[in-house]
PDB file of N, CA and C in Angstrom:
ATOM      1  N   UNK A   1     -53.260  80.693 125.225  1.00  0.00           N
ATOM      2  CA  UNK A   1     -54.240  80.035 124.377  1.00  0.00           C
ATOM      3  C   UNK A   1     -54.508  78.570 124.832  1.00  0.00           C
ATOM      4  N   UNK A   2     -55.705  78.267 124.720  1.00  0.00           N
ATOM      5  CA  UNK A   2     -56.062  76.838 125.097  1.00  0.00           C
ATOM      6  C   UNK A   2     -55.488  75.738 124.132  1.00  0.00           C
ATOM      7  N   UNK A   3     -54.799  74.811 124.916  1.00  0.00           N
ATOM      8  CA  UNK A   3     -54.366  73.571 124.274  1.00  0.00           C
ATOM      9  C   UNK A   3     -55.251  72.349 124.196  1.00  0.00           C
ATOM     10  N   UNK A   4     -55.730  71.911 123.243  1.00  0.00           N
ATOM     11  CA  UNK A   4     -56.615  70.700 123.344  1.00  0.00           C
ATOM     12  C   UNK A   4     -56.099  69.665 124.280  1.00  0.00           C
ATOM     13  N   UNK A   5     -56.858  69.098 125.124  1.00  0.00           N
ATOM     14  CA  UNK A   5     -56.598  67.853 125.846  1.00  0.00           C
ATOM     15  C   UNK A   5     -57.062  66.538 125.063  1.00  0.00           C
ATOM     16  N   UNK A   6     -56.147  66.059 124.335  1.00  0.00           N
ATOM     17  CA  UNK A   6     -56.550  64.811 123.432  1.00  0.00           C
ATOM     18  C   UNK A   6     -56.925  63.611 124.269  1.00  0.00           C
ATOM     19  N   UNK A   7     -56.481  63.380 125.589  1.00  0.00           N
ATOM     20  CA  UNK A   7     -56.897  62.341 126.357  1.00  0.00           C
ATOM     21  C   UNK A   7     -58.299  62.669 126.651  1.00  0.00           C
ATOM     22  N   UNK A   8     -58.726  63.879 127.002  1.00  0.00           N
ATOM     23  CA  UNK A   8     -60.166  64.260 127.463  1.00  0.00           C
ATOM     24  C   UNK A   8     -60.971  64.021 126.247  1.00  0.00           C
ATOM     25  N   UNK A   9     -60.562  64.374 125.112  1.00  0.00           N
ATOM     26  CA  UNK A   9     -61.383  64.124 123.867  1.00  0.00           C
ATOM     27  C   UNK A   9     -61.437  62.743 123.120  1.00  0.00           C
ATOM     28  N   UNK A  10     -60.285  61.983 123.305  1.00  0.00           N
ATOM     29  CA  UNK A  10     -60.201  60.723 122.520  1.00  0.00           C
ATOM     30  C   UNK A  10     -59.956  59.489 123.410  1.00  0.00           C
ATOM     31  N   UNK A  11     -58.929  59.702 124.442  1.00  0.00           N
ATOM     32  CA  UNK A  11     -58.616  58.614 125.076  1.00  0.00           C
ATOM     33  C   UNK A  11     -59.556  58.077 126.171  1.00  0.00           C
ATOM     34  N   UNK A  12     -60.056  58.880 127.135  1.00  0.00           N
ATOM     35  CA  UNK A  12     -60.707  58.573 128.203  1.00  0.00           C
ATOM     36  C   UNK A  12     -62.325  58.477 127.672  1.00  0.00           C
ATOM     37  N   UNK A  13     -63.017  57.473 128.307  1.00  0.00           N
ATOM     38  CA  UNK A  13     -64.478  57.282 127.974  1.00  0.00           C
ATOM     39  C   UNK A  13     -65.048  58.703 128.011  1.00  0.00           C
ATOM     40  N   UNK A  14     -65.869  58.943 127.133  1.00  0.00           N
ATOM     41  CA  UNK A  14     -66.478  58.050 126.098  1.00  0.00           C
ATOM     42  C   UNK A  14     -65.699  57.993 124.789  1.00  0.00           C
ATOM     43  N   UNK A  15     -64.515  58.291 124.821  1.00  0.00           N
ATOM     44  CA  UNK A  15     -63.550  58.294 123.626  1.00  0.00           C
ATOM     45  C   UNK A  15     -64.084  59.261 122.636  1.00  0.00           C
ATOM     46  N   UNK A  16     -63.986  58.838 121.289  1.00  0.00           N
ATOM     47  CA  UNK A  16     -64.499  59.761 120.278  1.00  0.00           C
ATOM     48  C   UNK A  16     -65.674  59.135 119.692  1.00  0.00           C
ATOM     49  N   UNK A  17     -66.687  58.887 120.514  1.00  0.00           N
ATOM     50  CA  UNK A  17     -67.997  58.499 120.016  1.00  0.00           C
ATOM     51  C   UNK A  17     -68.911  59.508 119.325  1.00  0.00           C
ATOM     52  N   UNK A  18     -68.474  60.616 119.137  1.00  0.00           N
ATOM     53  CA  UNK A  18     -69.398  61.589 118.589  1.00  0.00           C
ATOM     54  C   UNK A  18     -70.095  62.543 119.654  1.00  0.00           C
ATOM     55  N   UNK A  19     -69.871  62.111 121.009  1.00  0.00           N
ATOM     56  CA  UNK A  19     -70.617  62.738 121.946  1.00  0.00           C
ATOM     57  C   UNK A  19     -70.054  64.307 122.147  1.00  0.00           C
ATOM     58  N   UNK A  20     -70.588  65.230 122.651  1.00  0.00           N
ATOM     59  CA  UNK A  20     -70.248  66.654 122.929  1.00  0.00           C
ATOM     60  C   UNK A  20     -69.151  66.591 123.925  1.00  0.00           C
ATOM     61  N   UNK A  21     -68.149  67.601 123.632  1.00  0.00           N
ATOM     62  CA  UNK A  21     -67.157  68.032 124.563  1.00  0.00           C
ATOM     63  C   UNK A  21     -67.407  69.546 124.795  1.00  0.00           C
ATOM     64  N   UNK A  22     -67.538  69.936 126.078  1.00  0.00           N
ATOM     65  CA  UNK A  22     -67.843  71.168 126.509  1.00  0.00           C
ATOM     66  C   UNK A  22     -66.728  71.847 127.473  1.00  0.00           C
ATOM     67  N   UNK A  23     -66.331  73.002 127.034  1.00  0.00           N
ATOM     68  CA  UNK A  23     -65.496  73.808 127.879  1.00  0.00           C
ATOM     69  C   UNK A  23     -66.382  74.894 128.568  1.00  0.00           C
ATOM     70  N   UNK A  24     -66.067  75.060 129.790  1.00  0.00           N
ATOM     71  CA  UNK A  24     -66.726  76.241 130.464  1.00  0.00           C
ATOM     72  C   UNK A  24     -65.470  77.184 130.601  1.00  0.00           C
ATOM     73  N   UNK A  25     -65.824  78.447 130.050  1.00  0.00           N
ATOM     74  CA  UNK A  25     -64.700  79.428 129.875  1.00  0.00           C
ATOM     75  C   UNK A  25     -65.178  80.673 130.824  1.00  0.00           C
ATOM     76  N   UNK A  26     -64.216  81.051 131.788  1.00  0.00           N
ATOM     77  CA  UNK A  26     -64.507  82.123 132.643  1.00  0.00           C
ATOM     78  C   UNK A  26     -63.621  83.252 132.277  1.00  0.00           C
ATOM     79  N   UNK A  27     -64.075  84.521 131.964  1.00  0.00           N
ATOM     80  CA  UNK A  27     -63.310  85.689 131.490  1.00  0.00           C
ATOM     81  C   UNK A  27     -63.393  86.737 132.656  1.00  0.00           C
ATOM     82  N   UNK A  28     -62.261  87.264 133.103  1.00  0.00           N
ATOM     83  CA  UNK A  28     -62.325  88.363 134.110  1.00  0.00           C
ATOM     84  C   UNK A  28     -61.308  89.299 133.725  1.00  0.00           C
ATOM     85  N   UNK A  29     -61.676  90.571 134.019  1.00  0.00           N
ATOM     86  CA  UNK A  29     -60.540  91.650 133.815  1.00  0.00           C
ATOM     87  C   UNK A  29     -59.397  91.423 134.662  1.00  0.00           C
ATOM     88  N   UNK A  30     -58.237  92.075 134.268  1.00  0.00           N
ATOM     89  CA  UNK A  30     -57.060  91.900 134.945  1.00  0.00           C
ATOM     90  C   UNK A  30     -57.268  92.411 136.430  1.00  0.00           C
ATOM     91  N   UNK A  31     -56.348  92.023 137.372  1.00  0.00           N
ATOM     92  CA  UNK A  31     -56.448  92.354 138.726  1.00  0.00           C
ATOM     93  C   UNK A  31     -56.396  93.985 138.751  1.00  0.00           C
ATOM     94  N   UNK A  32     -55.647  94.548 138.031  1.00  0.00           N
ATOM     95  CA  UNK A  32     -55.510  96.183 138.035  1.00  0.00           C
ATOM     96  C   UNK A  32     -56.710  96.846 137.542  1.00  0.00           C
ATOM     97  N   UNK A  33     -57.640  96.107 136.851  1.00  0.00           N
ATOM     98  CA  UNK A  33     -58.738  96.738 136.199  1.00  0.00           C
ATOM     99  C   UNK A  33     -58.485  97.616 135.052  1.00  0.00           C
ATOM    100  N   UNK A  34     -57.187  97.725 134.635  1.00  0.00           N
ATOM    101  CA  UNK A  34     -57.014  98.645 133.484  1.00  0.00           C
ATOM    102  C   UNK A  34     -57.174  98.086 132.189  1.00  0.00           C
ATOM    103  N   UNK A  35     -58.672  98.143 131.728  1.00  0.00           N
ATOM    104  CA  UNK A  35     -58.874  97.688 130.345  1.00  0.00           C
ATOM    105  C   UNK A  35     -59.605  99.010 129.672  1.00  0.00           C
ATOM    106  N   UNK A  36     -59.350  98.792 128.327  1.00  0.00           N
ATOM    107  CA  UNK A  36     -59.924  99.957 127.626  1.00  0.00           C
ATOM    108  C   UNK A  36     -61.552  99.778 127.395  1.00  0.00           C
ATOM    109  N   UNK A  37     -61.996  98.626 127.455  1.00  0.00           N
ATOM    110  CA  UNK A  37     -63.329  98.447 127.108  1.00  0.00           C
ATOM    111  C   UNK A  37     -63.961  97.489 128.237  1.00  0.00           C
ATOM    112  N   UNK A  38     -65.234  97.633 128.558  1.00  0.00           N
ATOM    113  CA  UNK A  38     -65.855  96.775 129.422  1.00  0.00           C
ATOM    114  C   UNK A  38     -65.791  95.328 128.977  1.00  0.00           C
ATOM    115  N   UNK A  39     -65.627  94.318 129.770  1.00  0.00           N
ATOM    116  CA  UNK A  39     -65.469  92.915 129.500  1.00  0.00           C
ATOM    117  C   UNK A  39     -66.715  92.453 128.790  1.00  0.00           C
ATOM    118  N   UNK A  40     -67.947  92.774 129.263  1.00  0.00           N
ATOM    119  CA  UNK A  40     -69.081  92.362 128.344  1.00  0.00           C
ATOM    120  C   UNK A  40     -69.060  92.785 127.045  1.00  0.00           C
ATOM    121  N   UNK A  41     -68.761  94.112 126.939  1.00  0.00           N
ATOM    122  CA  UNK A  41     -68.762  94.798 125.484  1.00  0.00           C
ATOM    123  C   UNK A  41     -67.698  94.032 124.712  1.00  0.00           C
ATOM    124  N   UNK A  42     -66.709  93.845 125.149  1.00  0.00           N
ATOM    125  CA  UNK A  42     -65.539  93.030 124.486  1.00  0.00           C
ATOM    126  C   UNK A  42     -66.022  91.756 123.831  1.00  0.00           C
ATOM    127  N   UNK A  43     -66.700  91.075 124.766  1.00  0.00           N
ATOM    128  CA  UNK A  43     -67.240  89.673 124.480  1.00  0.00           C
ATOM    129  C   UNK A  43     -68.432  89.735 123.318  1.00  0.00           C
ATOM    130  N   UNK A  44     -69.195  90.744 123.634  1.00  0.00           N
ATOM    131  CA  UNK A  44     -70.369  90.869 122.508  1.00  0.00           C
ATOM    132  C   UNK A  44     -69.797  91.489 121.260  1.00  0.00           C
ATOM    133  N   UNK A  45     -68.762  92.059 121.218  1.00  0.00           N
ATOM    134  CA  UNK A  45     -68.031  92.536 119.916  1.00  0.00           C
ATOM    135  C   UNK A  45     -67.607  91.249 119.096  1.00  0.00           C
ATOM    136  N   UNK A  46     -67.044  90.291 120.009  1.00  0.00           N
ATOM    137  CA  UNK A  46     -66.700  89.033 119.328  1.00  0.00           C
ATOM    138  C   UNK A  46     -67.832  88.179 118.927  1.00  0.00           C
ATOM    139  N   UNK A  47     -68.842  88.067 119.683  1.00  0.00           N
ATOM    140  CA  UNK A  47     -70.040  87.385 119.436  1.00  0.00           C
ATOM    141  C   UNK A  47     -70.624  87.932 118.187  1.00  0.00           C
ATOM    142  N   UNK A  48     -70.719  89.182 117.840  1.00  0.00           N
ATOM    143  CA  UNK A  48     -71.309  89.772 116.847  1.00  0.00           C
ATOM    144  C   UNK A  48     -70.666  89.419 115.544  1.00  0.00           C
ATOM    145  N   UNK A  49     -69.513  88.749 115.551  1.00  0.00           N
ATOM    146  CA  UNK A  49     -68.883  88.257 114.310  1.00  0.00           C
ATOM    147  C   UNK A  49     -69.219  86.817 114.036  1.00  0.00           C
ATOM    148  N   UNK A  50     -69.856  86.246 114.823  1.00  0.00           N
ATOM    149  CA  UNK A  50     -70.295  84.796 114.693  1.00  0.00           C
ATOM    150  C   UNK A  50     -71.705  84.730 114.177  1.00  0.00           C
ATOM    151  N   UNK A  51     -72.151  83.443 113.651  1.00  0.00           N
ATOM    152  CA  UNK A  51     -73.516  83.157 113.275  1.00  0.00           C
ATOM    153  C   UNK A  51     -74.306  83.015 114.568  1.00  0.00           C
ATOM    154  N   UNK A  52     -75.648  83.455 114.532  1.00  0.00           N
ATOM    155  CA  UNK A  52     -76.454  83.410 115.677  1.00  0.00           C
ATOM    156  C   UNK A  52     -77.173  82.074 115.321  1.00  0.00           C
ATOM    157  N   UNK A  53     -77.265  81.207 116.317  1.00  0.00           N
ATOM    158  CA  UNK A  53     -77.938  79.929 116.239  1.00  0.00           C
ATOM    159  C   UNK A  53     -79.305  80.054 116.899  1.00  0.00           C
ATOM    160  N   UNK A  54     -79.313  80.510 118.074  1.00  0.00           N
ATOM    161  CA  UNK A  54     -80.610  80.842 118.813  1.00  0.00           C
ATOM    162  C   UNK A  54     -80.233  81.828 119.890  1.00  0.00           C
ATOM    163  N   UNK A  55     -81.333  82.157 120.756  1.00  0.00           N
ATOM    164  CA  UNK A  55     -80.977  83.125 121.654  1.00  0.00           C
ATOM    165  C   UNK A  55     -79.868  82.748 122.647  1.00  0.00           C
ATOM    166  N   UNK A  56     -78.832  83.673 122.804  1.00  0.00           N
ATOM    167  CA  UNK A  56     -77.682  83.456 123.631  1.00  0.00           C
ATOM    168  C   UNK A  56     -76.703  82.313 123.207  1.00  0.00           C
ATOM    169  N   UNK A  57     -76.826  81.959 121.864  1.00  0.00           N
ATOM    170  CA  UNK A  57     -75.970  80.916 121.313  1.00  0.00           C
ATOM    171  C   UNK A  57     -75.530  81.365 119.877  1.00  0.00           C
ATOM    172  N   UNK A  58     -74.106  81.296 119.716  1.00  0.00           N
ATOM    173  CA  UNK A  58     -73.628  81.708 118.498  1.00  0.00           C
ATOM    174  C   UNK A  58     -72.483  80.579 118.106  1.00  0.00           C
ATOM    175  N   UNK A  59     -71.941  80.731 117.031  1.00  0.00           N
ATOM    176  CA  UNK A  59     -70.979  79.623 116.567  1.00  0.00           C
ATOM    177  C   UNK A  59     -70.360  79.992 115.184  1.00  0.00           C
ATOM    178  N   UNK A  60     -69.655  78.838 114.746  1.00  0.00           N
ATOM    179  CA  UNK A  60     -69.166  78.945 113.390  1.00  0.00           C
ATOM    180  C   UNK A  60     -68.866  77.332 113.018  1.00  0.00           C
ATOM    181  N   UNK A  61     -68.445  77.040 111.880  1.00  0.00           N
ATOM    182  CA  UNK A  61     -68.320  75.747 111.506  1.00  0.00           C
ATOM    183  C   UNK A  61     -67.700  74.841 112.549  1.00  0.00           C
ATOM    184  N   UNK A  62     -68.482  73.852 113.079  1.00  0.00           N
ATOM    185  CA  UNK A  62     -68.087  72.755 113.912  1.00  0.00           C
ATOM    186  C   UNK A  62     -68.109  73.028 115.342  1.00  0.00           C
ATOM    187  N   UNK A  63     -68.489  74.339 115.812  1.00  0.00           N
ATOM    188  CA  UNK A  63     -68.605  74.602 117.098  1.00  0.00           C
ATOM    189  C   UNK A  63     -69.632  75.657 117.472  1.00  0.00           C
ATOM    190  N   UNK A  64     -69.962  75.685 118.685  1.00  0.00           N
ATOM    191  CA  UNK A  64     -70.987  76.700 119.128  1.00  0.00           C
ATOM    192  C   UNK A  64     -70.535  77.312 120.605  1.00  0.00           C
ATOM    193  N   UNK A  65     -70.940  78.434 120.950  1.00  0.00           N
ATOM    194  CA  UNK A  65     -70.700  79.026 122.296  1.00  0.00           C
ATOM    195  C   UNK A  65     -72.062  79.612 122.876  1.00  0.00           C
ATOM    196  N   UNK A  66     -72.160  79.441 124.061  1.00  0.00           N
ATOM    197  CA  UNK A  66     -73.553  79.956 124.703  1.00  0.00           C
ATOM    198  C   UNK A  66     -72.984  80.935 125.876  1.00  0.00           C
ATOM    199  N   UNK A  67     -73.695  82.208 125.869  1.00  0.00           N
ATOM    200  CA  UNK A  67     -73.352  83.016 127.037  1.00  0.00           C
ATOM    201  C   UNK A  67     -74.128  82.677 128.189  1.00  0.00           C
ATOM    202  N   UNK A  68     -73.551  82.316 129.293  1.00  0.00           N
ATOM    203  CA  UNK A  68     -74.106  81.713 130.301  1.00  0.00           C
ATOM    204  C   UNK A  68     -74.431  82.842 131.387  1.00  0.00           C
ATOM    205  N   UNK A  69     -73.385  83.672 131.650  1.00  0.00           N
ATOM    206  CA  UNK A  69     -73.561  84.737 132.488  1.00  0.00           C
ATOM    207  C   UNK A  69     -72.615  85.902 132.080  1.00  0.00           C
ATOM    208  N   UNK A  70     -73.272  87.082 132.467  1.00  0.00           N
ATOM    209  CA  UNK A  70     -72.392  88.225 132.090  1.00  0.00           C
ATOM    210  C   UNK A  70     -72.575  89.323 133.140  1.00  0.00           C
ATOM    211  N   UNK A  71     -71.446  89.758 133.697  1.00  0.00           N
ATOM    212  CA  UNK A  71     -71.360  90.825 134.825  1.00  0.00           C
ATOM    213  C   UNK A  71     -70.255  91.604 134.421  1.00  0.00           C
ATOM    214  N   UNK A  72     -70.147  92.909 134.989  1.00  0.00           N
ATOM    215  CA  UNK A  72     -68.990  93.719 134.484  1.00  0.00           C
ATOM    216  C   UNK A  72     -67.641  93.160 134.992  1.00  0.00           C
ATOM    217  N   UNK A  73     -67.469  92.221 135.987  1.00  0.00           N
ATOM    218  CA  UNK A  73     -66.399  91.581 136.374  1.00  0.00           C
ATOM    219  C   UNK A  73     -66.187  90.123 136.138  1.00  0.00           C
ATOM    220  N   UNK A  74     -67.045  89.588 135.237  1.00  0.00           N
ATOM    221  CA  UNK A  74     -66.874  88.333 134.844  1.00  0.00           C
ATOM    222  C   UNK A  74     -67.985  87.765 133.730  1.00  0.00           C
ATOM    223  N   UNK A  75     -67.499  87.157 132.834  1.00  0.00           N
ATOM    224  CA  UNK A  75     -68.293  86.610 131.771  1.00  0.00           C
ATOM    225  C   UNK A  75     -68.091  85.142 131.657  1.00  0.00           C
ATOM    226  N   UNK A  76     -69.163  84.354 131.790  1.00  0.00           N
ATOM    227  CA  UNK A  76     -69.052  82.794 131.740  1.00  0.00           C
ATOM    228  C   UNK A  76     -69.598  82.396 130.446  1.00  0.00           C
ATOM    229  N   UNK A  77     -68.869  81.466 129.681  1.00  0.00           N
ATOM    230  CA  UNK A  77     -69.319  81.049 128.437  1.00  0.00           C
ATOM    231  C   UNK A  77     -69.323  79.484 128.419  1.00  0.00           C
ATOM    232  N   UNK A  78     -69.964  78.814 127.557  1.00  0.00           N
ATOM    233  CA  UNK A  78     -69.835  77.324 127.478  1.00  0.00           C
ATOM    234  C   UNK A  78     -69.574  77.125 125.817  1.00  0.00           C
ATOM    235  N   UNK A  79     -68.439  76.551 125.629  1.00  0.00           N
ATOM    236  CA  UNK A  79     -68.067  76.208 124.134  1.00  0.00           C
ATOM    237  C   UNK A  79     -68.248  74.775 124.072  1.00  0.00           C
ATOM    238  N   UNK A  80     -68.709  74.308 122.818  1.00  0.00           N
ATOM    239  CA  UNK A  80     -68.757  72.845 122.728  1.00  0.00           C
ATOM    240  C   UNK A  80     -68.694  72.540 121.176  1.00  0.00           C
ATOM    241  N   UNK A  81     -68.375  71.374 120.913  1.00  0.00           N
ATOM    242  CA  UNK A  81     -68.249  70.690 119.608  1.00  0.00           C
ATOM    243  C   UNK A  81     -68.656  69.150 119.866  1.00  0.00           C
ATOM    244  N   UNK A  82     -68.880  68.547 118.655  1.00  0.00           N
ATOM    245  CA  UNK A  82     -69.266  67.181 118.722  1.00  0.00           C
ATOM    246  C   UNK A  82     -68.814  66.526 117.419  1.00  0.00           C
ATOM    247  N   UNK A  83     -69.015  65.174 117.382  1.00  0.00           N
ATOM    248  CA  UNK A  83     -68.748  64.503 116.217  1.00  0.00           C
ATOM    249  C   UNK A  83     -67.303  64.074 115.967  1.00  0.00           C
ATOM    250  N   UNK A  84     -67.070  63.564 114.813  1.00  0.00           N
ATOM    251  CA  UNK A  84     -65.740  63.115 114.534  1.00  0.00           C
ATOM    252  C   UNK A  84     -64.600  64.186 114.757  1.00  0.00           C
ATOM    253  N   UNK A  85     -64.967  65.499 114.416  1.00  0.00           N
ATOM    254  CA  UNK A  85     -64.015  66.413 114.428  1.00  0.00           C
ATOM    255  C   UNK A  85     -64.138  67.235 115.740  1.00  0.00           C
ATOM    256  N   UNK A  86     -64.422  66.655 116.697  1.00  0.00           N
ATOM    257  CA  UNK A  86     -64.643  67.463 118.026  1.00  0.00           C
ATOM    258  C   UNK A  86     -63.357  68.175 118.420  1.00  0.00           C
ATOM    259  N   UNK A  87     -62.244  67.589 118.272  1.00  0.00           N
ATOM    260  CA  UNK A  87     -61.162  68.329 118.625  1.00  0.00           C
ATOM    261  C   UNK A  87     -60.877  69.536 117.751  1.00  0.00           C
ATOM    262  N   UNK A  88     -61.053  69.383 116.423  1.00  0.00           N
ATOM    263  CA  UNK A  88     -60.968  70.637 115.568  1.00  0.00           C
ATOM    264  C   UNK A  88     -61.964  71.853 115.931  1.00  0.00           C
ATOM    265  N   UNK A  89     -63.271  71.232 116.215  1.00  0.00           N
ATOM    266  CA  UNK A  89     -64.168  72.228 116.690  1.00  0.00           C
ATOM    267  C   UNK A  89     -63.770  73.025 117.923  1.00  0.00           C
ATOM    268  N   UNK A  90     -63.246  72.283 118.900  1.00  0.00           N
ATOM    269  CA  UNK A  90     -62.668  72.971 120.111  1.00  0.00           C
ATOM    270  C   UNK A  90     -61.652  73.756 119.863  1.00  0.00           C
ATOM    271  N   UNK A  91     -60.838  73.355 119.086  1.00  0.00           N
ATOM    272  CA  UNK A  91     -59.606  74.294 118.780  1.00  0.00           C
ATOM    273  C   UNK A  91     -60.002  75.545 118.026  1.00  0.00           C
ATOM    274  N   UNK A  92     -60.890  75.322 116.993  1.00  0.00           N
ATOM    275  CA  UNK A  92     -61.336  76.565 116.182  1.00  0.00           C
ATOM    276  C   UNK A  92     -62.066  77.539 117.047  1.00  0.00           C
ATOM    277  N   UNK A  93     -62.918  76.950 117.947  1.00  0.00           N
ATOM    278  CA  UNK A  93     -63.714  77.946 118.857  1.00  0.00           C
ATOM    279  C   UNK A  93     -62.756  78.634 119.758  1.00  0.00           C
ATOM    280  N   UNK A  94     -61.913  77.899 120.344  1.00  0.00           N
ATOM    281  CA  UNK A  94     -61.064  78.507 121.346  1.00  0.00           C
ATOM    282  C   UNK A  94     -60.133  79.704 120.599  1.00  0.00           C
ATOM    283  N   UNK A  95     -59.381  79.243 119.282  1.00  0.00           N
ATOM    284  CA  UNK A  95     -58.795  80.353 118.506  1.00  0.00           C
ATOM    285  C   UNK A  95     -59.456  81.532 118.295  1.00  0.00           C
ATOM    286  N   UNK A  96     -60.873  81.215 117.924  1.00  0.00           N
ATOM    287  CA  UNK A  96     -61.649  82.493 117.518  1.00  0.00           C
ATOM    288  C   UNK A  96     -61.789  83.382 118.793  1.00  0.00           C
ATOM    289  N   UNK A  97     -62.162  82.676 120.060  1.00  0.00           N
ATOM    290  CA  UNK A  97     -62.132  83.565 121.310  1.00  0.00           C
ATOM    291  C   UNK A  97     -60.796  84.220 121.573  1.00  0.00           C
ATOM    292  N   UNK A  98     -59.704  83.558 121.355  1.00  0.00           N
ATOM    293  CA  UNK A  98     -58.390  84.218 121.522  1.00  0.00           C
ATOM    294  C   UNK A  98     -58.336  85.492 120.572  1.00  0.00           C
ATOM    295  N   UNK A  99     -58.595  85.261 119.307  1.00  0.00           N
ATOM    296  CA  UNK A  99     -58.303  86.355 118.468  1.00  0.00           C
ATOM    297  C   UNK A  99     -59.451  87.498 118.715  1.00  0.00           C
ATOM    298  N   UNK A 100     -60.598  87.149 118.966  1.00  0.00           N
ATOM    299  CA  UNK A 100     -61.495  88.098 119.149  1.00  0.00           C
ATOM    300  C   UNK A 100     -61.636  88.781 120.554  1.00  0.00           C
ATOM    301  N   UNK A 101     -61.192  88.094 121.606  1.00  0.00           N
ATOM    302  CA  UNK A 101     -61.431  88.710 123.005  1.00  0.00           C
ATOM    303  C   UNK A 101     -60.046  88.948 123.543  1.00  0.00           C
ATOM    304  N   UNK A 102     -59.148  87.750 123.603  1.00  0.00           N
ATOM    305  CA  UNK A 102     -58.093  87.742 124.498  1.00  0.00           C
ATOM    306  C   UNK A 102     -56.663  88.371 123.849  1.00  0.00           C
ATOM    307  N   UNK A 103     -56.476  88.360 122.538  1.00  0.00           N
ATOM    308  CA  UNK A 103     -55.373  88.775 122.046  1.00  0.00           C
ATOM    309  C   UNK A 103     -55.194  90.269 122.242  1.00  0.00           C
ATOM    310  N   UNK A 104     -54.029  90.727 122.707  1.00  0.00           N
ATOM    311  CA  UNK A 104     -53.678  92.033 123.042  1.00  0.00           C
ATOM    312  C   UNK A 104     -54.473  92.827 124.104  1.00  0.00           C
ATOM    313  N   UNK A 105     -55.038  91.918 125.055  1.00  0.00           N
ATOM    314  CA  UNK A 105     -55.714  92.392 126.121  1.00  0.00           C
ATOM    315  C   UNK A 105     -55.130  91.818 127.360  1.00  0.00           C
ATOM    316  N   UNK A 106     -55.817  92.254 128.589  1.00  0.00           N
ATOM    317  CA  UNK A 106     -55.242  91.747 129.786  1.00  0.00           C
ATOM    318  C   UNK A 106     -56.500  90.929 130.419  1.00  0.00           C
ATOM    319  N   UNK A 107     -57.365  90.506 129.677  1.00  0.00           N
ATOM    320  CA  UNK A 107     -58.262  89.791 130.075  1.00  0.00           C
ATOM    321  C   UNK A 107     -57.848  88.287 130.580  1.00  0.00           C
ATOM    322  N   UNK A 108     -58.179  87.941 131.872  1.00  0.00           N
ATOM    323  CA  UNK A 108     -57.830  86.764 132.442  1.00  0.00           C
ATOM    324  C   UNK A 108     -58.808  85.498 132.059  1.00  0.00           C
ATOM    325  N   UNK A 109     -58.360  84.376 131.618  1.00  0.00           N
ATOM    326  CA  UNK A 109     -59.347  83.261 131.285  1.00  0.00           C
ATOM    327  C   UNK A 109     -58.899  81.981 131.973  1.00  0.00           C
ATOM    328  N   UNK A 110     -59.949  81.169 132.375  1.00  0.00           N
ATOM    329  CA  UNK A 110     -59.771  79.881 132.840  1.00  0.00           C
ATOM    330  C   UNK A 110     -60.727  78.911 131.889  1.00  0.00           C
ATOM    331  N   UNK A 111     -60.239  77.778 131.803  1.00  0.00           N
ATOM    332  CA  UNK A 111     -60.992  76.767 130.979  1.00  0.00           C
ATOM    333  C   UNK A 111     -61.211  75.626 131.848  1.00  0.00           C
ATOM    334  N   UNK A 112     -62.411  75.073 131.875  1.00  0.00           N
ATOM    335  CA  UNK A 112     -62.770  74.092 132.689  1.00  0.00           C
ATOM    336  C   UNK A 112     -63.266  73.056 131.610  1.00  0.00           C
ATOM    337  N   UNK A 113     -62.887  71.814 131.607  1.00  0.00           N
ATOM    338  CA  UNK A 113     -63.191  70.614 130.676  1.00  0.00           C
ATOM    339  C   UNK A 113     -64.366  69.972 131.511  1.00  0.00           C
ATOM    340  N   UNK A 114     -65.599  70.096 131.112  1.00  0.00           N
ATOM    341  CA  UNK A 114     -66.852  69.409 131.681  1.00  0.00           C
ATOM    342  C   UNK A 114     -66.765  68.064 131.414  1.00  0.00           C
ATOM    343  N   UNK A 115     -67.466  67.140 132.290  1.00  0.00           N
ATOM    344  CA  UNK A 115     -67.452  65.774 132.114  1.00  0.00           C
ATOM    345  C   UNK A 115     -68.289  65.346 130.785  1.00  0.00           C
ATOM    346  N   UNK A 116     -67.749  64.430 130.231  1.00  0.00           N
ATOM    347  CA  UNK A 116     -68.371  64.013 128.895  1.00  0.00           C
ATOM    348  C   UNK A 116     -69.399  62.869 129.115  1.00  0.00           C
ATOM    349  N   UNK A 117     -70.380  62.847 128.334  1.00  0.00           N
ATOM    350  CA  UNK A 117     -71.421  61.929 128.603  1.00  0.00           C
ATOM    351  C   UNK A 117     -71.507  61.151 127.253  1.00  0.00           C
ATOM    352  N   UNK A 118     -71.490  59.748 127.306  1.00  0.00           N
ATOM    353  CA  UNK A 118     -71.454  59.034 126.052  1.00  0.00           C
ATOM    354  C   UNK A 118     -72.953  59.151 125.474  1.00  0.00           C
ATOM    355  N   UNK A 119     -72.869  59.101 124.007  1.00  0.00           N
ATOM    356  CA  UNK A 119     -74.094  59.372 123.253  1.00  0.00           C
ATOM    357  C   UNK A 119     -74.872  58.139 123.532  1.00  0.00           C
ATOM    358  N   UNK A 120     -74.402  57.055 124.029  1.00  0.00           N
ATOM    359  CA  UNK A 120     -75.157  55.897 124.275  1.00  0.00           C
ATOM    360  C   UNK A 120     -75.905  55.885 125.744  1.00  0.00           C
ATOM    361  N   UNK A 121     -75.625  56.913 126.532  1.00  0.00           N
ATOM    362  CA  UNK A 121     -76.306  57.076 127.760  1.00  0.00           C
ATOM    363  C   UNK A 121     -77.639  57.546 127.639  1.00  0.00           C
TER     364      UNK A 121
END
């Protein structure tokens, strides 16, 4: 499960100025390919439990996720939050992903913290 990096969110510039924090999330099937469901189907089952914000963008209280790319062997998502509760939003979004896609599966996940840009820029 993703552990929030509070230095990324609060300590390093732009600190906690309300700007977006974005995680790029890459999902891949296990190396052995032994999954009960296709990866895109599994991800779409999770996305169907969320609010639809616009085309290819879903979310819930305080966070949103965008489907960037989907192939049978890889799904790429961007999850983001902003504002005073940016850490809570990132945590809630990654917990939802864990519960909806990763828990009790052999799906492999990598998280990449994208550079943050100050709201003043």
